[in-house]
PDB file of N, CA and C in Angstrom:
ATOM      1  N   MET A   1     140.295 -75.169 -43.392  1.00  0.00           N
ATOM      2  CA  MET A   1     140.100 -76.524 -43.879  1.00  0.00           C
ATOM      3  C   MET A   1     140.445 -77.492 -42.758  1.00  0.00           C
ATOM      4  N   GLU A   2     139.519 -78.359 -42.468  1.00  0.00           N
ATOM      5  CA  GLU A   2     139.714 -79.312 -41.371  1.00  0.00           C
ATOM      6  C   GLU A   2     139.781 -80.731 -41.920  1.00  0.00           C
ATOM      7  N   PHE A   3     140.765 -81.476 -41.428  1.00  0.00           N
ATOM      8  CA  PHE A   3     140.956 -82.855 -41.861  1.00  0.00           C
ATOM      9  C   PHE A   3     140.475 -83.801 -40.768  1.00  0.00           C
ATOM     10  N   THR A   4     139.901 -84.914 -41.184  1.00  0.00           N
ATOM     11  CA  THR A   4     139.392 -85.921 -40.267  1.00  0.00           C
ATOM     12  C   THR A   4     140.276 -87.153 -40.335  1.00  0.00           C
ATOM     13  N   LEU A   5     140.660 -87.676 -39.175  1.00  0.00           N
ATOM     14  CA  LEU A   5     141.421 -88.921 -39.116  1.00  0.00           C
ATOM     15  C   LEU A   5     140.446 -90.089 -39.194  1.00  0.00           C
ATOM     16  N   ASN A   6     140.651 -90.968 -40.171  1.00  0.00           N
ATOM     17  CA  ASN A   6     139.789 -92.134 -40.340  1.00  0.00           C
ATOM     18  C   ASN A   6     140.611 -93.409 -40.341  1.00  0.00           C
ATOM     19  N   GLU A   7     140.073 -94.425 -39.677  1.00  0.00           N
ATOM     20  CA  GLU A   7     140.674 -95.758 -39.742  1.00  0.00           C
ATOM     21  C   GLU A   7     139.983 -96.489 -40.876  1.00  0.00           C
ATOM     22  N   LEU A   8     140.707 -96.738 -41.952  1.00  0.00           N
ATOM     23  CA  LEU A   8     140.137 -97.377 -43.132  1.00  0.00           C
ATOM     24  C   LEU A   8     140.034 -98.886 -42.958  1.00  0.00           C
ATOM     25  N   SER A   9     140.984 -99.447 -42.236  1.00  0.00           N
ATOM     26  CA  SER A   9     140.993-100.853 -41.859  1.00  0.00           C
ATOM     27  C   SER A   9     142.053-100.963 -40.763  1.00  0.00           C
ATOM     28  N   PRO A  10     142.155-102.109 -40.087  1.00  0.00           N
ATOM     29  CA  PRO A  10     143.194-102.200 -39.063  1.00  0.00           C
ATOM     30  C   PRO A  10     144.569-101.856 -39.646  1.00  0.00           C
ATOM     31  N   GLN A  11     145.254-100.941 -39.004  1.00  0.00           N
ATOM     32  CA  GLN A  11     146.597-100.492 -39.392  1.00  0.00           C
ATOM     33  C   GLN A  11     146.625 -99.643 -40.672  1.00  0.00           C
ATOM     34  N   HIS A  12     145.472 -99.239 -41.206  1.00  0.00           N
ATOM     35  CA  HIS A  12     145.403 -98.423 -42.423  1.00  0.00           C
ATOM     36  C   HIS A  12     144.574 -97.172 -42.108  1.00  0.00           C
ATOM     37  N   PHE A  13     145.228 -96.011 -42.198  1.00  0.00           N
ATOM     38  CA  PHE A  13     144.604 -94.769 -41.764  1.00  0.00           C
ATOM     39  C   PHE A  13     144.712 -93.688 -42.829  1.00  0.00           C
ATOM     40  N   ALA A  14     143.920 -92.634 -42.656  1.00  0.00           N
ATOM     41  CA  ALA A  14     143.992 -91.495 -43.566  1.00  0.00           C
ATOM     42  C   ALA A  14     143.487 -90.242 -42.875  1.00  0.00           C
ATOM     43  N   PHE A  15     144.081 -89.121 -43.237  1.00  0.00           N
ATOM     44  CA  PHE A  15     143.476 -87.832 -42.955  1.00  0.00           C
ATOM     45  C   PHE A  15     142.730 -87.462 -44.221  1.00  0.00           C
ATOM     46  N   GLU A  16     141.459 -87.094 -44.063  1.00  0.00           N
ATOM     47  CA  GLU A  16     140.613 -86.811 -45.217  1.00  0.00           C
ATOM     48  C   GLU A  16     139.947 -85.450 -45.089  1.00  0.00           C
ATOM     49  N   TYR A  17     139.677 -84.862 -46.234  1.00  0.00           N
ATOM     50  CA  TYR A  17     138.868 -83.648 -46.298  1.00  0.00           C
ATOM     51  C   TYR A  17     137.664 -83.955 -47.167  1.00  0.00           C
ATOM     52  N   LYS A  18     136.479 -83.807 -46.578  1.00  0.00           N
ATOM     53  CA  LYS A  18     135.245 -84.045 -47.316  1.00  0.00           C
ATOM     54  C   LYS A  18     134.392 -82.785 -47.278  1.00  0.00           C
ATOM     55  N   LYS A  19     133.686 -82.569 -48.369  1.00  0.00           N
ATOM     56  CA  LYS A  19     132.737 -81.461 -48.441  1.00  0.00           C
ATOM     57  C   LYS A  19     131.472 -81.992 -49.092  1.00  0.00           C
ATOM     58  N   ASP A  20     130.354 -81.782 -48.414  1.00  0.00           N
ATOM     59  CA  ASP A  20     129.059 -82.276 -48.901  1.00  0.00           C
ATOM     60  C   ASP A  20     129.106 -83.772 -49.189  1.00  0.00           C
ATOM     61  N   GLY A  21     129.808 -84.508 -48.323  1.00  0.00           N
ATOM     62  CA  GLY A  21     129.882 -85.955 -48.433  1.00  0.00           C
ATOM     63  C   GLY A  21     130.857 -86.480 -49.469  1.00  0.00           C
ATOM     64  N   GLU A  22     131.510 -85.580 -50.203  1.00  0.00           N
ATOM     65  CA  GLU A  22     132.466 -86.002 -51.236  1.00  0.00           C
ATOM     66  C   GLU A  22     133.890 -85.828 -50.728  1.00  0.00           C
ATOM     67  N   LYS A  23     134.693 -86.883 -50.877  1.00  0.00           N
ATOM     68  CA  LYS A  23     136.099 -86.818 -50.480  1.00  0.00           C
ATOM     69  C   LYS A  23     136.861 -86.011 -51.522  1.00  0.00           C
ATOM     70  N   LEU A  24     137.460 -84.897 -51.084  1.00  0.00           N
ATOM     71  CA  LEU A  24     138.182 -84.016 -51.992  1.00  0.00           C
ATOM     72  C   LEU A  24     139.692 -84.100 -51.830  1.00  0.00           C
ATOM     73  N   ALA A  25     140.145 -84.650 -50.690  1.00  0.00           N
ATOM     74  CA  ALA A  25     141.584 -84.775 -50.464  1.00  0.00           C
ATOM     75  C   ALA A  25     141.835 -85.790 -49.365  1.00  0.00           C
ATOM     76  N   GLU A  26     143.000 -86.474 -49.479  1.00  0.00           N
ATOM     77  CA  GLU A  26     143.376 -87.428 -48.435  1.00  0.00           C
ATOM     78  C   GLU A  26     144.862 -87.734 -48.515  1.00  0.00           C
ATOM     79  N   ILE A  27     145.382 -88.143 -47.362  1.00  0.00           N
ATOM     80  CA  ILE A  27     146.729 -88.707 -47.301  1.00  0.00           C
ATOM     81  C   ILE A  27     146.591 -89.989 -46.487  1.00  0.00           C
ATOM     82  N   GLU A  28     147.080 -91.090 -47.032  1.00  0.00           N
ATOM     83  CA  GLU A  28     146.910 -92.415 -46.413  1.00  0.00           C
ATOM     84  C   GLU A  28     148.239 -92.996 -45.976  1.00  0.00           C
ATOM     85  N   TRP A  29     148.145 -93.859 -44.974  1.00  0.00           N
ATOM     86  CA  TRP A  29     149.322 -94.604 -44.541  1.00  0.00           C
ATOM     87  C   TRP A  29     148.935 -95.924 -43.909  1.00  0.00           C
ATOM     88  N   VAL A  30     149.914 -96.823 -43.894  1.00  0.00           N
ATOM     89  CA  VAL A  30     149.803 -98.089 -43.182  1.00  0.00           C
ATOM     90  C   VAL A  30     150.709 -97.969 -41.964  1.00  0.00           C
ATOM     91  N   GLN A  31     150.166 -98.289 -40.805  1.00  0.00           N
ATOM     92  CA  GLN A  31     150.913 -98.199 -39.559  1.00  0.00           C
ATOM     93  C   GLN A  31     151.646 -99.511 -39.321  1.00  0.00           C
ATOM     94  N   LYS A  32     152.960 -99.456 -39.269  1.00  0.00           N
ATOM     95  CA  LYS A  32     153.786-100.636 -38.975  1.00  0.00           C
ATOM     96  C   LYS A  32     154.602-100.311 -37.736  1.00  0.00           C
ATOM     97  N   GLU A  33     154.109-100.779 -36.603  1.00  0.00           N
ATOM     98  CA  GLU A  33     154.688-100.464 -35.295  1.00  0.00           C
ATOM     99  C   GLU A  33     154.755 -98.947 -35.155  1.00  0.00           C
ATOM    100  N   ASN A  34     155.941 -98.357 -35.023  1.00  0.00           N
ATOM    101  CA  ASN A  34     156.001 -96.906 -34.819  1.00  0.00           C
ATOM    102  C   ASN A  34     156.319 -96.150 -36.114  1.00  0.00           C
ATOM    103  N   VAL A  35     156.075 -96.774 -37.267  1.00  0.00           N
ATOM    104  CA  VAL A  35     156.352 -96.144 -38.560  1.00  0.00           C
ATOM    105  C   VAL A  35     155.056 -96.009 -39.363  1.00  0.00           C
ATOM    106  N   MET A  36     154.808 -94.790 -39.823  1.00  0.00           N
ATOM    107  CA  MET A  36     153.693 -94.508 -40.726  1.00  0.00           C
ATOM    108  C   MET A  36     154.241 -94.630 -42.153  1.00  0.00           C
ATOM    109  N   VAL A  37     153.818 -95.652 -42.883  1.00  0.00           N
ATOM    110  CA  VAL A  37     154.272 -95.851 -44.258  1.00  0.00           C
ATOM    111  C   VAL A  37     153.310 -95.067 -45.161  1.00  0.00           C
ATOM    112  N   MET A  38     153.763 -93.897 -45.583  1.00  0.00           N
ATOM    113  CA  MET A  38     152.931 -92.954 -46.334  1.00  0.00           C
ATOM    114  C   MET A  38     152.826 -93.425 -47.779  1.00  0.00           C
ATOM    115  N   ASN A  39     151.647 -93.956 -48.155  1.00  0.00           N
ATOM    116  CA  ASN A  39     151.554 -94.627 -49.448  1.00  0.00           C
ATOM    117  C   ASN A  39     150.621 -93.977 -50.466  1.00  0.00           C
ATOM    118  N   HIS A  40     149.912 -92.905 -50.096  1.00  0.00           N
ATOM    119  CA  HIS A  40     148.983 -92.324 -51.064  1.00  0.00           C
ATOM    120  C   HIS A  40     148.592 -90.911 -50.650  1.00  0.00           C
ATOM    121  N   THR A  41     148.623 -90.001 -51.610  1.00  0.00           N
ATOM    122  CA  THR A  41     148.109 -88.647 -51.423  1.00  0.00           C
ATOM    123  C   THR A  41     147.223 -88.322 -52.612  1.00  0.00           C
ATOM    124  N   TYR A  42     146.050 -87.777 -52.316  1.00  0.00           N
ATOM    125  CA  TYR A  42     145.095 -87.425 -53.373  1.00  0.00           C
ATOM    126  C   TYR A  42     144.520 -86.046 -53.087  1.00  0.00           C
ATOM    127  N   VAL A  43     144.458 -85.210 -54.118  1.00  0.00           N
ATOM    128  CA  VAL A  43     143.788 -83.917 -54.034  1.00  0.00           C
ATOM    129  C   VAL A  43     142.940 -83.768 -55.293  1.00  0.00           C
ATOM    130  N   SER A  44     141.663 -83.481 -55.112  1.00  0.00           N
ATOM    131  CA  SER A  44     140.740 -83.290 -56.223  1.00  0.00           C
ATOM    132  C   SER A  44     141.170 -82.108 -57.088  1.00  0.00           C
ATOM    133  N   ASP A  45     140.802 -82.167 -58.353  1.00  0.00           N
ATOM    134  CA  ASP A  45     141.114 -81.074 -59.281  1.00  0.00           C
ATOM    135  C   ASP A  45     140.595 -79.728 -58.775  1.00  0.00           C
ATOM    136  N   VAL A  46     139.466 -79.729 -58.088  1.00  0.00           N
ATOM    137  CA  VAL A  46     138.890 -78.459 -57.621  1.00  0.00           C
ATOM    138  C   VAL A  46     139.734 -77.791 -56.545  1.00  0.00           C
ATOM    139  N   LEU A  47     140.629 -78.545 -55.908  1.00  0.00           N
ATOM    140  CA  LEU A  47     141.482 -77.992 -54.850  1.00  0.00           C
ATOM    141  C   LEU A  47     142.949 -77.865 -55.261  1.00  0.00           C
ATOM    142  N   ARG A  48     143.301 -78.333 -56.446  1.00  0.00           N
ATOM    143  CA  ARG A  48     144.710 -78.307 -56.866  1.00  0.00           C
ATOM    144  C   ARG A  48     145.240 -76.883 -56.899  1.00  0.00           C
ATOM    145  N   GLY A  49     146.523 -76.743 -56.575  1.00  0.00           N
ATOM    146  CA  GLY A  49     147.174 -75.446 -56.618  1.00  0.00           C
ATOM    147  C   GLY A  49     146.941 -74.592 -55.386  1.00  0.00           C
ATOM    148  N   GLN A  50     146.299 -75.157 -54.368  1.00  0.00           N
ATOM    149  CA  GLN A  50     145.993 -74.409 -53.151  1.00  0.00           C
ATOM    150  C   GLN A  50     146.819 -74.878 -51.950  1.00  0.00           C
ATOM    151  N   GLY A  51     147.805 -75.742 -52.188  1.00  0.00           N
ATOM    152  CA  GLY A  51     148.655 -76.218 -51.108  1.00  0.00           C
ATOM    153  C   GLY A  51     148.014 -77.248 -50.207  1.00  0.00           C
ATOM    154  N   VAL A  52     146.979 -77.897 -50.689  1.00  0.00           N
ATOM    155  CA  VAL A  52     146.235 -78.856 -49.858  1.00  0.00           C
ATOM    156  C   VAL A  52     147.080 -80.091 -49.541  1.00  0.00           C
ATOM    157  N   ALA A  53     147.834 -80.591 -50.504  1.00  0.00           N
ATOM    158  CA  ALA A  53     148.670 -81.766 -50.247  1.00  0.00           C
ATOM    159  C   ALA A  53     149.679 -81.465 -49.145  1.00  0.00           C
ATOM    160  N   LYS A  54     150.265 -80.282 -49.162  1.00  0.00           N
ATOM    161  CA  LYS A  54     151.220 -79.878 -48.113  1.00  0.00           C
ATOM    162  C   LYS A  54     150.520 -79.801 -46.757  1.00  0.00           C
ATOM    163  N   LYS A  55     149.312 -79.263 -46.741  1.00  0.00           N
ATOM    164  CA  LYS A  55     148.549 -79.189 -45.487  1.00  0.00           C
ATOM    165  C   LYS A  55     148.265 -80.585 -44.947  1.00  0.00           C
ATOM    166  N   LEU A  56     147.921 -81.507 -45.840  1.00  0.00           N
ATOM    167  CA  LEU A  56     147.692 -82.893 -45.424  1.00  0.00           C
ATOM    168  C   LEU A  56     148.962 -83.509 -44.851  1.00  0.00           C
ATOM    169  N   LEU A  57     150.070 -83.309 -45.548  1.00  0.00           N
ATOM    170  CA  LEU A  57     151.344 -83.854 -45.074  1.00  0.00           C
ATOM    171  C   LEU A  57     151.719 -83.241 -43.728  1.00  0.00           C
ATOM    172  N   ASP A  58     151.511 -81.949 -43.580  1.00  0.00           N
ATOM    173  CA  ASP A  58     151.813 -81.296 -42.306  1.00  0.00           C
ATOM    174  C   ASP A  58     150.945 -81.839 -41.173  1.00  0.00           C
ATOM    175  N   GLN A  59     149.677 -82.116 -41.479  1.00  0.00           N
ATOM    176  CA  GLN A  59     148.778 -82.705 -40.467  1.00  0.00           C
ATOM    177  C   GLN A  59     149.291 -84.089 -40.065  1.00  0.00           C
ATOM    178  N   ALA A  60     149.673 -84.900 -41.045  1.00  0.00           N
ATOM    179  CA  ALA A  60     150.199 -86.239 -40.756  1.00  0.00           C
ATOM    180  C   ALA A  60     151.512 -86.144 -39.986  1.00  0.00           C
ATOM    181  N   ALA A  61     152.350 -85.178 -40.332  1.00  0.00           N
ATOM    182  CA  ALA A  61     153.624 -85.000 -39.634  1.00  0.00           C
ATOM    183  C   ALA A  61     153.386 -84.606 -38.176  1.00  0.00           C
ATOM    184  N   SER A  62     152.429 -83.726 -37.940  1.00  0.00           N
ATOM    185  CA  SER A  62     152.089 -83.342 -36.560  1.00  0.00           C
ATOM    186  C   SER A  62     151.593 -84.546 -35.780  1.00  0.00           C
ATOM    187  N   TYR A  63     150.775 -85.362 -36.423  1.00  0.00           N
ATOM    188  CA  TYR A  63     150.271 -86.586 -35.801  1.00  0.00           C
ATOM    189  C   TYR A  63     151.431 -87.517 -35.448  1.00  0.00           C
ATOM    190  N   ALA A  64     152.377 -87.657 -36.365  1.00  0.00           N
ATOM    191  CA  ALA A  64     153.549 -88.508 -36.113  1.00  0.00           C
ATOM    192  C   ALA A  64     154.339 -87.981 -34.915  1.00  0.00           C
ATOM    193  N   ARG A  65     154.577 -86.698 -34.886  1.00  0.00           N
ATOM    194  CA  ARG A  65     155.342 -86.100 -33.777  1.00  0.00           C
ATOM    195  C   ARG A  65     154.623 -86.278 -32.438  1.00  0.00           C
ATOM    196  N   GLU A  66     153.320 -86.047 -32.430  1.00  0.00           N
ATOM    197  CA  GLU A  66     152.536 -86.177 -31.199  1.00  0.00           C
ATOM    198  C   GLU A  66     152.562 -87.595 -30.645  1.00  0.00           C
ATOM    199  N   ASN A  67     152.683 -88.575 -31.540  1.00  0.00           N
ATOM    200  CA  ASN A  67     152.612 -89.978 -31.133  1.00  0.00           C
ATOM    201  C   ASN A  67     153.960 -90.682 -31.109  1.00  0.00           C
ATOM    202  N   GLY A  68     155.034 -89.952 -31.370  1.00  0.00           N
ATOM    203  CA  GLY A  68     156.364 -90.544 -31.351  1.00  0.00           C
ATOM    204  C   GLY A  68     156.623 -91.479 -32.514  1.00  0.00           C
ATOM    205  N   TYR A  69     155.967 -91.234 -33.654  1.00  0.00           N
ATOM    206  CA  TYR A  69     156.126 -92.074 -34.832  1.00  0.00           C
ATOM    207  C   TYR A  69     157.144 -91.475 -35.799  1.00  0.00           C
ATOM    208  N   LYS A  70     157.623 -92.318 -36.701  1.00  0.00           N
ATOM    209  CA  LYS A  70     158.428 -91.896 -37.839  1.00  0.00           C
ATOM    210  C   LYS A  70     157.568 -92.074 -39.088  1.00  0.00           C
ATOM    211  N   MET A  71     158.001 -91.450 -40.179  1.00  0.00           N
ATOM    212  CA  MET A  71     157.277 -91.568 -41.439  1.00  0.00           C
ATOM    213  C   MET A  71     158.209 -92.104 -42.527  1.00  0.00           C
ATOM    214  N   GLU A  72     157.728 -93.104 -43.251  1.00  0.00           N
ATOM    215  CA  GLU A  72     158.459 -93.635 -44.399  1.00  0.00           C
ATOM    216  C   GLU A  72     157.748 -93.157 -45.660  1.00  0.00           C
ATOM    217  N   ALA A  73     158.470 -92.452 -46.513  1.00  0.00           N
ATOM    218  CA  ALA A  73     157.889 -91.912 -47.741  1.00  0.00           C
ATOM    219  C   ALA A  73     157.847 -92.985 -48.817  1.00  0.00           C
ATOM    220  N   VAL A  74     156.648 -93.298 -49.300  1.00  0.00           N
ATOM    221  CA  VAL A  74     156.468 -94.232 -50.399  1.00  0.00           C
ATOM    222  C   VAL A  74     155.766 -93.517 -51.558  1.00  0.00           C
ATOM    223  N   CYS A  75     154.718 -92.784 -51.263  1.00  0.00           N
ATOM    224  CA  CYS A  75     153.999 -92.079 -52.327  1.00  0.00           C
ATOM    225  C   CYS A  75     154.871 -90.968 -52.895  1.00  0.00           C
ATOM    226  N   SER A  76     154.720 -90.705 -54.173  1.00  0.00           N
ATOM    227  CA  SER A  76     155.609 -89.771 -54.870  1.00  0.00           C
ATOM    228  C   SER A  76     155.563 -88.363 -54.286  1.00  0.00           C
ATOM    229  N   TYR A  77     154.394 -87.924 -53.825  1.00  0.00           N
ATOM    230  CA  TYR A  77     154.309 -86.577 -53.252  1.00  0.00           C
ATOM    231  C   TYR A  77     155.146 -86.480 -51.978  1.00  0.00           C
ATOM    232  N   VAL A  78     155.020 -87.451 -51.092  1.00  0.00           N
ATOM    233  CA  VAL A  78     155.754 -87.425 -49.830  1.00  0.00           C
ATOM    234  C   VAL A  78     157.251 -87.574 -50.079  1.00  0.00           C
ATOM    235  N   VAL A  79     157.639 -88.429 -51.006  1.00  0.00           N
ATOM    236  CA  VAL A  79     159.050 -88.580 -51.368  1.00  0.00           C
ATOM    237  C   VAL A  79     159.606 -87.226 -51.814  1.00  0.00           C
ATOM    238  N   ALA A  80     158.890 -86.540 -52.697  1.00  0.00           N
ATOM    239  CA  ALA A  80     159.347 -85.241 -53.207  1.00  0.00           C
ATOM    240  C   ALA A  80     159.403 -84.202 -52.097  1.00  0.00           C
ATOM    241  N   ALA A  81     158.399 -84.184 -51.228  1.00  0.00           N
ATOM    242  CA  ALA A  81     158.373 -83.215 -50.128  1.00  0.00           C
ATOM    243  C   ALA A  81     159.533 -83.455 -49.167  1.00  0.00           C
ATOM    244  N   PHE A  82     159.829 -84.713 -48.872  1.00  0.00           N
ATOM    245  CA  PHE A  82     160.946 -85.038 -47.988  1.00  0.00           C
ATOM    246  C   PHE A  82     162.275 -84.628 -48.626  1.00  0.00           C
ATOM    247  N   ASP A  83     162.384 -84.794 -49.951  1.00  0.00           N
ATOM    248  CA  ASP A  83     163.618 -84.439 -50.650  1.00  0.00           C
ATOM    249  C   ASP A  83     163.828 -82.920 -50.722  1.00  0.00           C
ATOM    250  N   LYS A  84     162.739 -82.169 -50.853  1.00  0.00           N
ATOM    251  CA  LYS A  84     162.819 -80.716 -51.037  1.00  0.00           C
ATOM    252  C   LYS A  84     163.066 -79.941 -49.750  1.00  0.00           C
ATOM    253  N   SER A  85     162.660 -80.499 -48.632  1.00  0.00           N
ATOM    254  CA  SER A  85     162.682 -79.739 -47.385  1.00  0.00           C
ATOM    255  C   SER A  85     163.275 -80.553 -46.239  1.00  0.00           C
ATOM    256  N   ASN A  86     163.920 -79.865 -45.324  1.00  0.00           N
ATOM    257  CA  ASN A  86     164.438 -80.546 -44.140  1.00  0.00           C
ATOM    258  C   ASN A  86     163.496 -80.425 -42.946  1.00  0.00           C
ATOM    259  N   GLU A  87     162.311 -79.853 -43.150  1.00  0.00           N
ATOM    260  CA  GLU A  87     161.377 -79.680 -42.034  1.00  0.00           C
ATOM    261  C   GLU A  87     160.817 -80.987 -41.502  1.00  0.00           C
ATOM    262  N   TYR A  88     161.009 -82.077 -42.262  1.00  0.00           N
ATOM    263  CA  TYR A  88     160.505 -83.381 -41.822  1.00  0.00           C
ATOM    264  C   TYR A  88     161.620 -84.310 -41.377  1.00  0.00           C
ATOM    265  N   ASP A  89     162.841 -83.823 -41.322  1.00  0.00           N
ATOM    266  CA  ASP A  89     163.989 -84.675 -40.997  1.00  0.00           C
ATOM    267  C   ASP A  89     163.829 -85.408 -39.661  1.00  0.00           C
ATOM    268  N   ASP A  90     163.186 -84.763 -38.703  1.00  0.00           N
ATOM    269  CA  ASP A  90     163.035 -85.358 -37.375  1.00  0.00           C
ATOM    270  C   ASP A  90     162.120 -86.568 -37.353  1.00  0.00           C
ATOM    271  N   ILE A  91     161.303 -86.732 -38.395  1.00  0.00           N
ATOM    272  CA  ILE A  91     160.362 -87.858 -38.390  1.00  0.00           C
ATOM    273  C   ILE A  91     160.595 -88.841 -39.534  1.00  0.00           C
ATOM    274  N   LYS A  92     161.632 -88.636 -40.311  1.00  0.00           N
ATOM    275  CA  LYS A  92     161.924 -89.577 -41.390  1.00  0.00           C
ATOM    276  C   LYS A  92     162.364 -90.920 -40.814  1.00  0.00           C
ATOM    277  N   ALA A  93     161.797 -91.985 -41.371  1.00  0.00           N
ATOM    278  CA  ALA A  93     162.166 -93.332 -40.915  1.00  0.00           C
ATOM    279  C   ALA A  93     163.466 -93.760 -41.559  1.00  0.00           C
TER     280      ALA A  93
END
């Protein structure tokens, strides 16, 4: 599964997964200086239960690390993932 980085508007980005032109999953954020404010995660019913949200978060986390960014958890999925695991401690804002 490959995710595409899209600029939705200035300072508003998402990693998305599309199949046959339909968006099936995404994780969105607003870029505020060096902080990615993670505000939305979506996974279509057809992909639920396959760990897609975690894959999206991991892709965003890799992007943050590569660019020297921190991540602020706002969306409920990211908040829960940050609370459950210490694997993101290095990039928490």
